[in-house]
Every structure is written in structure tokens, then in C-alpha cells.
Amino acid sequence: MKSAYELAMERLSKTGPTVKLTAEQKKTISEIDSVFSARIAEREIFLKAEIDKSAMKRDFEAVDQLQRQLVSERKKLLVEKEEKKDEARQARK
């Protein structure tokens, strides 16, 4: 009897071939991960500090707006990161 993992892997291999990445592509993807992780962390630190300041002032409207901004910026950066990684995967050298 096959495990769920084995069944999933069989289905995955039927849908499409796995793409082998070159060492350069792996390095590029790793750099992209690193850069975007740093950018996300930078924005989170800044906006969380602003949220804390607004909370201390009891400006809950600003807190709500800053929290929405944090979520929005994080999503935007994650999408941009995945787009860059896809470009690196598709680049043929």
C-alpha cells in the first residue's frame, strides 16, 4: 500500500517534468530570497515601531491603517519575490 506522499509524487511526475536548475540559477534564487527577506524584515520593523507609537498615543485609526499597510506591503514584496524567482528559473544560460 502506498502512502499519500508517494501517491502525490506519482501524480506530480505525471503532470510535468521536473526542471533541473543550474548552479547559477540556484545561486540567483538564493540571493533573491535573501534580499527580499531583508526587505520584508526592514518594512516590518519600521511599521511595527510606527504601530507601537500610534498605540501609545491611542490613535487606533492610525494603528488599523498601519496594520493594513504592513499586510499590503508584505504581500506585494512576496509577489515580487516569486516573480523574480520565476524569471531566474526560466533563464537559460
PDB file of N, CA and C in Angstrom:
ATOM      1  N   MET A   1       0.845  -1.170   0.000  1.00  0.00           N
ATOM      2  CA  MET A   1       0.000   0.000   0.000  1.00  0.00           C
ATOM      3  C   MET A   1       0.904   1.252   0.000  1.00  0.00           C
ATOM      4  N   LYS A   2       0.584   2.214  -0.851  1.00  0.00           N
ATOM      5  CA  LYS A   2       1.393   3.420  -0.981  1.00  0.00           C
ATOM      6  C   LYS A   2       0.887   4.494  -0.023  1.00  0.00           C
ATOM      7  N   SER A   3       1.840   5.296   0.432  1.00  0.00           N
ATOM      8  CA  SER A   3       1.475   6.405   1.315  1.00  0.00           C
ATOM      9  C   SER A   3       0.904   7.551   0.483  1.00  0.00           C
ATOM     10  N   ALA A   4       0.289   8.482   1.161  1.00  0.00           N
ATOM     11  CA  ALA A   4      -0.273   9.650   0.477  1.00  0.00           C
ATOM     12  C   ALA A   4       0.840  10.434  -0.214  1.00  0.00           C
ATOM     13  N   TYR A   5       2.000  10.487   0.423  1.00  0.00           N
ATOM     14  CA  TYR A   5       3.151  11.187  -0.166  1.00  0.00           C
ATOM     15  C   TYR A   5       3.561  10.537  -1.486  1.00  0.00           C
ATOM     16  N   GLU A   6       3.660   9.219  -1.503  1.00  0.00           N
ATOM     17  CA  GLU A   6       4.057   8.500  -2.719  1.00  0.00           C
ATOM     18  C   GLU A   6       3.030   8.704  -3.836  1.00  0.00           C
ATOM     19  N   LEU A   7       1.763   8.676  -3.486  1.00  0.00           N
ATOM     20  CA  LEU A   7       0.716   8.910  -4.480  1.00  0.00           C
ATOM     21  C   LEU A   7       0.792  10.324  -5.044  1.00  0.00           C
ATOM     22  N   ALA A   8       1.023  11.281  -4.166  1.00  0.00           N
ATOM     23  CA  ALA A   8       1.137  12.674  -4.605  1.00  0.00           C
ATOM     24  C   ALA A   8       2.339  12.852  -5.523  1.00  0.00           C
ATOM     25  N   MET A   9       3.455  12.222  -5.195  1.00  0.00           N
ATOM     26  CA  MET A   9       4.649  12.327  -6.027  1.00  0.00           C
ATOM     27  C   MET A   9       4.412  11.705  -7.404  1.00  0.00           C
ATOM     28  N   GLU A  10       3.689  10.613  -7.464  1.00  0.00           N
ATOM     29  CA  GLU A  10       3.363   9.989  -8.745  1.00  0.00           C
ATOM     30  C   GLU A  10       2.511  10.918  -9.597  1.00  0.00           C
ATOM     31  N   ARG A  11       1.505  11.535  -8.982  1.00  0.00           N
ATOM     32  CA  ARG A  11       0.639  12.462  -9.710  1.00  0.00           C
ATOM     33  C   ARG A  11       1.437  13.664 -10.198  1.00  0.00           C
ATOM     34  N   LEU A  12       2.326  14.139  -9.356  1.00  0.00           N
ATOM     35  CA  LEU A  12       3.138  15.292  -9.702  1.00  0.00           C
ATOM     36  C   LEU A  12       4.040  14.965 -10.890  1.00  0.00           C
ATOM     37  N   SER A  13       4.648  13.802 -10.909  1.00  0.00           N
ATOM     38  CA  SER A  13       5.544  13.447 -12.007  1.00  0.00           C
ATOM     39  C   SER A  13       4.778  13.265 -13.312  1.00  0.00           C
ATOM     40  N   LYS A  14       3.516  12.911 -13.241  1.00  0.00           N
ATOM     41  CA  LYS A  14       2.706  12.755 -14.447  1.00  0.00           C
ATOM     42  C   LYS A  14       2.321  14.105 -15.041  1.00  0.00           C
ATOM     43  N   THR A  15       2.152  15.120 -14.207  1.00  0.00           N
ATOM     44  CA  THR A  15       1.693  16.416 -14.695  1.00  0.00           C
ATOM     45  C   THR A  15       2.774  17.169 -15.440  1.00  0.00           C
ATOM     46  N   GLY A  16       4.019  16.947 -15.116  1.00  0.00           N
ATOM     47  CA  GLY A  16       5.073  17.664 -15.814  1.00  0.00           C
ATOM     48  C   GLY A  16       6.443  17.240 -15.331  1.00  0.00           C
ATOM     49  N   PRO A  17       7.408  17.421 -16.187  1.00  0.00           N
ATOM     50  CA  PRO A  17       8.760  17.032 -15.798  1.00  0.00           C
ATOM     51  C   PRO A  17       9.338  18.020 -14.783  1.00  0.00           C
ATOM     52  N   THR A  18      10.224  17.520 -13.957  1.00  0.00           N
ATOM     53  CA  THR A  18      10.885  18.405 -13.016  1.00  0.00           C
ATOM     54  C   THR A  18      11.982  19.156 -13.749  1.00  0.00           C
ATOM     55  N   VAL A  19      12.165  20.391 -13.395  1.00  0.00           N
ATOM     56  CA  VAL A  19      13.150  21.238 -14.052  1.00  0.00           C
ATOM     57  C   VAL A  19      14.426  21.212 -13.231  1.00  0.00           C
ATOM     58  N   LYS A  20      15.518  20.919 -13.894  1.00  0.00           N
ATOM     59  CA  LYS A  20      16.817  20.932 -13.231  1.00  0.00           C
ATOM     60  C   LYS A  20      17.373  22.342 -13.317  1.00  0.00           C
ATOM     61  N   LEU A  21      17.750  22.887 -12.171  1.00  0.00           N
ATOM     62  CA  LEU A  21      18.313  24.228 -12.133  1.00  0.00           C
ATOM     63  C   LEU A  21      19.833  24.150 -12.159  1.00  0.00           C
ATOM     64  N   THR A  22      20.428  25.127 -12.830  1.00  0.00           N
ATOM     65  CA  THR A  22      21.883  25.203 -12.845  1.00  0.00           C
ATOM     66  C   THR A  22      22.358  25.778 -11.513  1.00  0.00           C
ATOM     67  N   ALA A  23      23.632  25.650 -11.263  1.00  0.00           N
ATOM     68  CA  ALA A  23      24.208  26.210 -10.037  1.00  0.00           C
ATOM     69  C   ALA A  23      24.015  27.722  -9.998  1.00  0.00           C
ATOM     70  N   GLU A  24      24.132  28.359 -11.150  1.00  0.00           N
ATOM     71  CA  GLU A  24      23.946  29.812 -11.227  1.00  0.00           C
ATOM     72  C   GLU A  24      22.510  30.201 -10.904  1.00  0.00           C
ATOM     73  N   GLN A  25      21.549  29.426 -11.412  1.00  0.00           N
ATOM     74  CA  GLN A  25      20.142  29.704 -11.123  1.00  0.00           C
ATOM     75  C   GLN A  25      19.858  29.513  -9.633  1.00  0.00           C
ATOM     76  N   LYS A  26      20.408  28.462  -9.042  1.00  0.00           N
ATOM     77  CA  LYS A  26      20.210  28.226  -7.609  1.00  0.00           C
ATOM     78  C   LYS A  26      20.796  29.369  -6.794  1.00  0.00           C
ATOM     79  N   LYS A  27      21.969  29.848  -7.206  1.00  0.00           N
ATOM     80  CA  LYS A  27      22.616  30.963  -6.504  1.00  0.00           C
ATOM     81  C   LYS A  27      21.764  32.226  -6.622  1.00  0.00           C
ATOM     82  N   THR A  28      21.254  32.483  -7.821  1.00  0.00           N
ATOM     83  CA  THR A  28      20.417  33.662  -8.047  1.00  0.00           C
ATOM     84  C   THR A  28      19.146  33.596  -7.205  1.00  0.00           C
ATOM     85  N   ILE A  29      18.508  32.446  -7.169  1.00  0.00           N
ATOM     86  CA  ILE A  29      17.280  32.280  -6.386  1.00  0.00           C
ATOM     87  C   ILE A  29      17.572  32.468  -4.899  1.00  0.00           C
ATOM     88  N   SER A  30      18.693  31.957  -4.451  1.00  0.00           N
ATOM     89  CA  SER A  30      19.083  32.118  -3.050  1.00  0.00           C
ATOM     90  C   SER A  30      19.306  33.595  -2.713  1.00  0.00           C
ATOM     91  N   GLU A  31      19.952  34.313  -3.625  1.00  0.00           N
ATOM     92  CA  GLU A  31      20.178  35.751  -3.417  1.00  0.00           C
ATOM     93  C   GLU A  31      18.860  36.515  -3.393  1.00  0.00           C
ATOM     94  N   ILE A  32      17.943  36.138  -4.271  1.00  0.00           N
ATOM     95  CA  ILE A  32      16.627  36.782  -4.307  1.00  0.00           C
ATOM     96  C   ILE A  32      15.906  36.555  -2.976  1.00  0.00           C
ATOM     97  N   ASP A  33      15.929  35.324  -2.475  1.00  0.00           N
ATOM     98  CA  ASP A  33      15.317  35.028  -1.176  1.00  0.00           C
ATOM     99  C   ASP A  33      15.916  35.898  -0.081  1.00  0.00           C
ATOM    100  N   SER A  34      17.229  35.997  -0.082  1.00  0.00           N
ATOM    101  CA  SER A  34      17.928  36.765   0.946  1.00  0.00           C
ATOM    102  C   SER A  34      17.566  38.250   0.889  1.00  0.00           C
ATOM    103  N   VAL A  35      17.599  38.807  -0.311  1.00  0.00           N
ATOM    104  CA  VAL A  35      17.310  40.238  -0.481  1.00  0.00           C
ATOM    105  C   VAL A  35      15.878  40.552  -0.063  1.00  0.00           C
ATOM    106  N   PHE A  36      14.936  39.747  -0.516  1.00  0.00           N
ATOM    107  CA  PHE A  36      13.535  40.031  -0.205  1.00  0.00           C
ATOM    108  C   PHE A  36      13.197  39.745   1.251  1.00  0.00           C
ATOM    109  N   SER A  37      13.850  38.768   1.855  1.00  0.00           N
ATOM    110  CA  SER A  37      13.642  38.534   3.294  1.00  0.00           C
ATOM    111  C   SER A  37      14.103  39.744   4.088  1.00  0.00           C
ATOM    112  N   ALA A  38      15.222  40.318   3.674  1.00  0.00           N
ATOM    113  CA  ALA A  38      15.730  41.517   4.352  1.00  0.00           C
ATOM    114  C   ALA A  38      14.795  42.700   4.146  1.00  0.00           C
ATOM    115  N   ARG A  39      14.290  42.869   2.918  1.00  0.00           N
ATOM    116  CA  ARG A  39      13.381  43.983   2.651  1.00  0.00           C
ATOM    117  C   ARG A  39      12.088  43.847   3.450  1.00  0.00           C
ATOM    118  N   ILE A  40      11.563  42.634   3.538  1.00  0.00           N
ATOM    119  CA  ILE A  40      10.338  42.394   4.300  1.00  0.00           C
ATOM    120  C   ILE A  40      10.584  42.678   5.780  1.00  0.00           C
ATOM    121  N   ALA A  41      11.698  42.196   6.292  1.00  0.00           N
ATOM    122  CA  ALA A  41      12.026  42.416   7.703  1.00  0.00           C
ATOM    123  C   ALA A  41      12.186  43.908   8.000  1.00  0.00           C
ATOM    124  N   GLU A  42      12.820  44.623   7.091  1.00  0.00           N
ATOM    125  CA  GLU A  42      13.012  46.065   7.264  1.00  0.00           C
ATOM    126  C   GLU A  42      11.669  46.797   7.369  1.00  0.00           C
ATOM    127  N   ARG A  43      10.754  46.471   6.468  1.00  0.00           N
ATOM    128  CA  ARG A  43       9.443  47.115   6.492  1.00  0.00           C
ATOM    129  C   ARG A  43       8.652  46.730   7.738  1.00  0.00           C
ATOM    130  N   GLU A  44       8.751  45.460   8.135  1.00  0.00           N
ATOM    131  CA  GLU A  44       8.034  45.015   9.333  1.00  0.00           C
ATOM    132  C   GLU A  44       8.543  45.741  10.570  1.00  0.00           C
ATOM    133  N   ILE A  45       9.845  45.866  10.699  1.00  0.00           N
ATOM    134  CA  ILE A  45      10.412  46.553  11.859  1.00  0.00           C
ATOM    135  C   ILE A  45       9.957  48.005  11.897  1.00  0.00           C
ATOM    136  N   PHE A  46      10.051  48.682  10.751  1.00  0.00           N
ATOM    137  CA  PHE A  46       9.661  50.080  10.699  1.00  0.00           C
ATOM    138  C   PHE A  46       8.177  50.260  11.018  1.00  0.00           C
ATOM    139  N   LEU A  47       7.330  49.488  10.353  1.00  0.00           N
ATOM    140  CA  LEU A  47       5.891  49.671  10.535  1.00  0.00           C
ATOM    141  C   LEU A  47       5.428  49.217  11.917  1.00  0.00           C
ATOM    142  N   LYS A  48       6.035  48.183  12.474  1.00  0.00           N
ATOM    143  CA  LYS A  48       5.660  47.769  13.826  1.00  0.00           C
ATOM    144  C   LYS A  48       6.038  48.833  14.847  1.00  0.00           C
ATOM    145  N   ALA A  49       7.151  49.522  14.620  1.00  0.00           N
ATOM    146  CA  ALA A  49       7.524  50.634  15.504  1.00  0.00           C
ATOM    147  C   ALA A  49       6.502  51.757  15.402  1.00  0.00           C
ATOM    148  N   GLU A  50       6.056  52.037  14.179  1.00  0.00           N
ATOM    149  CA  GLU A  50       5.039  53.066  13.985  1.00  0.00           C
ATOM    150  C   GLU A  50       3.710  52.657  14.613  1.00  0.00           C
ATOM    151  N   ILE A  51       3.379  51.385  14.506  1.00  0.00           N
ATOM    152  CA  ILE A  51       2.147  50.880  15.126  1.00  0.00           C
ATOM    153  C   ILE A  51       2.227  51.051  16.640  1.00  0.00           C
ATOM    154  N   ASP A  52       3.370  50.713  17.209  1.00  0.00           N
ATOM    155  CA  ASP A  52       3.549  50.873  18.659  1.00  0.00           C
ATOM    156  C   ASP A  52       3.417  52.332  19.086  1.00  0.00           C
ATOM    157  N   LYS A  53       3.997  53.249  18.306  1.00  0.00           N
ATOM    158  CA  LYS A  53       3.898  54.684  18.619  1.00  0.00           C
ATOM    159  C   LYS A  53       2.444  55.139  18.585  1.00  0.00           C
ATOM    160  N   SER A  54       1.735  54.714  17.558  1.00  0.00           N
ATOM    161  CA  SER A  54       0.333  55.103  17.432  1.00  0.00           C
ATOM    162  C   SER A  54      -0.512  54.504  18.551  1.00  0.00           C
ATOM    163  N   ALA A  55      -0.196  53.287  18.941  1.00  0.00           N
ATOM    164  CA  ALA A  55      -0.942  52.649  20.028  1.00  0.00           C
ATOM    165  C   ALA A  55      -0.701  53.385  21.342  1.00  0.00           C
ATOM    166  N   MET A  56       0.534  53.832  21.561  1.00  0.00           N
ATOM    167  CA  MET A  56       0.836  54.576  22.791  1.00  0.00           C
ATOM    168  C   MET A  56       0.054  55.892  22.835  1.00  0.00           C
ATOM    169  N   LYS A  57      -0.183  56.483  21.665  1.00  0.00           N
ATOM    170  CA  LYS A  57      -0.947  57.724  21.571  1.00  0.00           C
ATOM    171  C   LYS A  57      -2.450  57.462  21.559  1.00  0.00           C
ATOM    172  N   ARG A  58      -2.813  56.184  21.562  1.00  0.00           N
ATOM    173  CA  ARG A  58      -4.205  55.754  21.498  1.00  0.00           C
ATOM    174  C   ARG A  58      -4.898  56.210  20.207  1.00  0.00           C
ATOM    175  N   ASP A  59      -4.113  56.245  19.145  1.00  0.00           N
ATOM    176  CA  ASP A  59      -4.635  56.583  17.822  1.00  0.00           C
ATOM    177  C   ASP A  59      -4.926  55.270  17.095  1.00  0.00           C
ATOM    178  N   PHE A  60      -6.063  54.675  17.437  1.00  0.00           N
ATOM    179  CA  PHE A  60      -6.377  53.344  16.937  1.00  0.00           C
ATOM    180  C   PHE A  60      -6.712  53.320  15.445  1.00  0.00           C
ATOM    181  N   GLU A  61      -7.138  54.441  14.931  1.00  0.00           N
ATOM    182  CA  GLU A  61      -7.384  54.526  13.491  1.00  0.00           C
ATOM    183  C   GLU A  61      -6.060  54.408  12.736  1.00  0.00           C
ATOM    184  N   ALA A  62      -5.035  55.089  13.234  1.00  0.00           N
ATOM    185  CA  ALA A  62      -3.712  55.005  12.616  1.00  0.00           C
ATOM    186  C   ALA A  62      -3.138  53.600  12.765  1.00  0.00           C
ATOM    187  N   VAL A  63      -3.372  52.969  13.909  1.00  0.00           N
ATOM    188  CA  VAL A  63      -2.904  51.598  14.130  1.00  0.00           C
ATOM    189  C   VAL A  63      -3.519  50.674  13.095  1.00  0.00           C
ATOM    190  N   ASP A  64      -4.808  50.796  12.889  1.00  0.00           N
ATOM    191  CA  ASP A  64      -5.502  49.953  11.916  1.00  0.00           C
ATOM    192  C   ASP A  64      -4.962  50.186  10.507  1.00  0.00           C
ATOM    193  N   GLN A  65      -4.763  51.450  10.152  1.00  0.00           N
ATOM    194  CA  GLN A  65      -4.254  51.790   8.827  1.00  0.00           C
ATOM    195  C   GLN A  65      -2.834  51.254   8.640  1.00  0.00           C
ATOM    196  N   LEU A  66      -1.997  51.370   9.654  1.00  0.00           N
ATOM    197  CA  LEU A  66      -0.624  50.870   9.567  1.00  0.00           C
ATOM    198  C   LEU A  66      -0.580  49.346   9.481  1.00  0.00           C
ATOM    199  N   GLN A  67      -1.472  48.679  10.173  1.00  0.00           N
ATOM    200  CA  GLN A  67      -1.531  47.217  10.093  1.00  0.00           C
ATOM    201  C   GLN A  67      -1.939  46.773   8.693  1.00  0.00           C
ATOM    202  N   ARG A  68      -2.894  47.477   8.100  1.00  0.00           N
ATOM    203  CA  ARG A  68      -3.291  47.155   6.732  1.00  0.00           C
ATOM    204  C   ARG A  68      -2.147  47.420   5.757  1.00  0.00           C
ATOM    205  N   GLN A  69      -1.414  48.506   5.994  1.00  0.00           N
ATOM    206  CA  GLN A  69      -0.271  48.834   5.155  1.00  0.00           C
ATOM    207  C   GLN A  69       0.804  47.751   5.265  1.00  0.00           C
ATOM    208  N   LEU A  70       1.036  47.254   6.468  1.00  0.00           N
ATOM    209  CA  LEU A  70       2.020  46.198   6.689  1.00  0.00           C
ATOM    210  C   LEU A  70       1.650  44.936   5.910  1.00  0.00           C
ATOM    211  N   VAL A  71       0.405  44.533   5.994  1.00  0.00           N
ATOM    212  CA  VAL A  71      -0.062  43.349   5.277  1.00  0.00           C
ATOM    213  C   VAL A  71       0.072  43.556   3.764  1.00  0.00           C
ATOM    214  N   SER A  72      -0.327  44.713   3.298  1.00  0.00           N
ATOM    215  CA  SER A  72      -0.273  45.022   1.872  1.00  0.00           C
ATOM    216  C   SER A  72       1.158  45.008   1.345  1.00  0.00           C
ATOM    217  N   GLU A  73       2.065  45.656   2.054  1.00  0.00           N
ATOM    218  CA  GLU A  73       3.455  45.716   1.614  1.00  0.00           C
ATOM    219  C   GLU A  73       4.107  44.339   1.650  1.00  0.00           C
ATOM    220  N   ARG A  74       3.764  43.560   2.657  1.00  0.00           N
ATOM    221  CA  ARG A  74       4.336  42.216   2.759  1.00  0.00           C
ATOM    222  C   ARG A  74       3.873  41.360   1.574  1.00  0.00           C
ATOM    223  N   LYS A  75       2.578  41.421   1.247  1.00  0.00           N
ATOM    224  CA  LYS A  75       2.050  40.667   0.107  1.00  0.00           C
ATOM    225  C   LYS A  75       2.714  41.107  -1.191  1.00  0.00           C
ATOM    226  N   LYS A  76       2.856  42.422  -1.359  1.00  0.00           N
ATOM    227  CA  LYS A  76       3.458  42.966  -2.573  1.00  0.00           C
ATOM    228  C   LYS A  76       4.893  42.473  -2.726  1.00  0.00           C
ATOM    229  N   LEU A  77       5.654  42.497  -1.644  1.00  0.00           N
ATOM    230  CA  LEU A  77       7.042  42.044  -1.707  1.00  0.00           C
ATOM    231  C   LEU A  77       7.135  40.539  -1.964  1.00  0.00           C
ATOM    232  N   LEU A  78       6.228  39.762  -1.388  1.00  0.00           N
ATOM    233  CA  LEU A  78       6.233  38.321  -1.631  1.00  0.00           C
ATOM    234  C   LEU A  78       5.914  37.997  -3.086  1.00  0.00           C
ATOM    235  N   VAL A  79       4.974  38.722  -3.670  1.00  0.00           N
ATOM    236  CA  VAL A  79       4.630  38.519  -5.082  1.00  0.00           C
ATOM    237  C   VAL A  79       5.826  38.888  -5.959  1.00  0.00           C
ATOM    238  N   GLU A  80       6.452  40.015  -5.656  1.00  0.00           N
ATOM    239  CA  GLU A  80       7.615  40.451  -6.426  1.00  0.00           C
ATOM    240  C   GLU A  80       8.754  39.433  -6.314  1.00  0.00           C
ATOM    241  N   LYS A  81       8.944  38.878  -5.118  1.00  0.00           N
ATOM    242  CA  LYS A  81       9.982  37.871  -4.914  1.00  0.00           C
ATOM    243  C   LYS A  81       9.717  36.643  -5.774  1.00  0.00           C
ATOM    244  N   GLU A  82       8.488  36.162  -5.787  1.00  0.00           N
ATOM    245  CA  GLU A  82       8.155  34.980  -6.582  1.00  0.00           C
ATOM    246  C   GLU A  82       8.312  35.250  -8.073  1.00  0.00           C
ATOM    247  N   GLU A  83       7.981  36.461  -8.528  1.00  0.00           N
ATOM    248  CA  GLU A  83       8.157  36.807  -9.931  1.00  0.00           C
ATOM    249  C   GLU A  83       9.635  36.771 -10.310  1.00  0.00           C
ATOM    250  N   LYS A  84      10.479  37.319  -9.454  1.00  0.00           N
ATOM    251  CA  LYS A  84      11.932  37.322  -9.710  1.00  0.00           C
ATOM    252  C   LYS A  84      12.472  35.896  -9.716  1.00  0.00           C
ATOM    253  N   LYS A  85      11.991  35.071  -8.799  1.00  0.00           N
ATOM    254  CA  LYS A  85      12.446  33.685  -8.756  1.00  0.00           C
ATOM    255  C   LYS A  85      12.005  32.927 -10.005  1.00  0.00           C
ATOM    256  N   ASP A  86      10.794  33.181 -10.487  1.00  0.00           N
ATOM    257  CA  ASP A  86      10.315  32.546 -11.722  1.00  0.00           C
ATOM    258  C   ASP A  86      11.178  32.965 -12.913  1.00  0.00           C
ATOM    259  N   GLU A  87      11.539  34.258 -12.965  1.00  0.00           N
ATOM    260  CA  GLU A  87      12.420  34.738 -14.032  1.00  0.00           C
ATOM    261  C   GLU A  87      13.760  34.014 -13.979  1.00  0.00           C
ATOM    262  N   ALA A  88      14.292  33.824 -12.782  1.00  0.00           N
ATOM    263  CA  ALA A  88      15.580  33.143 -12.630  1.00  0.00           C
ATOM    264  C   ALA A  88      15.463  31.683 -13.049  1.00  0.00           C
ATOM    265  N   ARG A  89      14.349  31.048 -12.741  1.00  0.00           N
ATOM    266  CA  ARG A  89      14.157  29.649 -13.114  1.00  0.00           C
ATOM    267  C   ARG A  89      14.059  29.473 -14.626  1.00  0.00           C
ATOM    268  N   GLN A  90      13.455  30.460 -15.293  1.00  0.00           N
ATOM    269  CA  GLN A  90      13.249  30.364 -16.728  1.00  0.00           C
ATOM    270  C   GLN A  90      14.459  30.815 -17.539  1.00  0.00           C
ATOM    271  N   ALA A  91      15.388  31.514 -16.897  1.00  0.00           N
ATOM    272  CA  ALA A  91      16.579  31.997 -17.604  1.00  0.00           C
ATOM    273  C   ALA A  91      17.456  30.812 -17.988  1.00  0.00           C
ATOM    274  N   ARG A  92      17.820  30.755 -19.230  1.00  0.00           N
ATOM    275  CA  ARG A  92      18.689  29.681 -19.741  1.00  0.00           C
ATOM    276  C   ARG A  92      20.031  30.288 -20.089  1.00  0.00           C
ATOM    277  N   LYS A  93      21.044  29.801 -19.441  1.00  0.00           N
ATOM    278  CA  LYS A  93      22.391  30.347 -19.690  1.00  0.00           C
ATOM    279  C   LYS A  93      23.237  29.367 -20.400  1.00  0.00           C
TER     280      LYS A  93
END
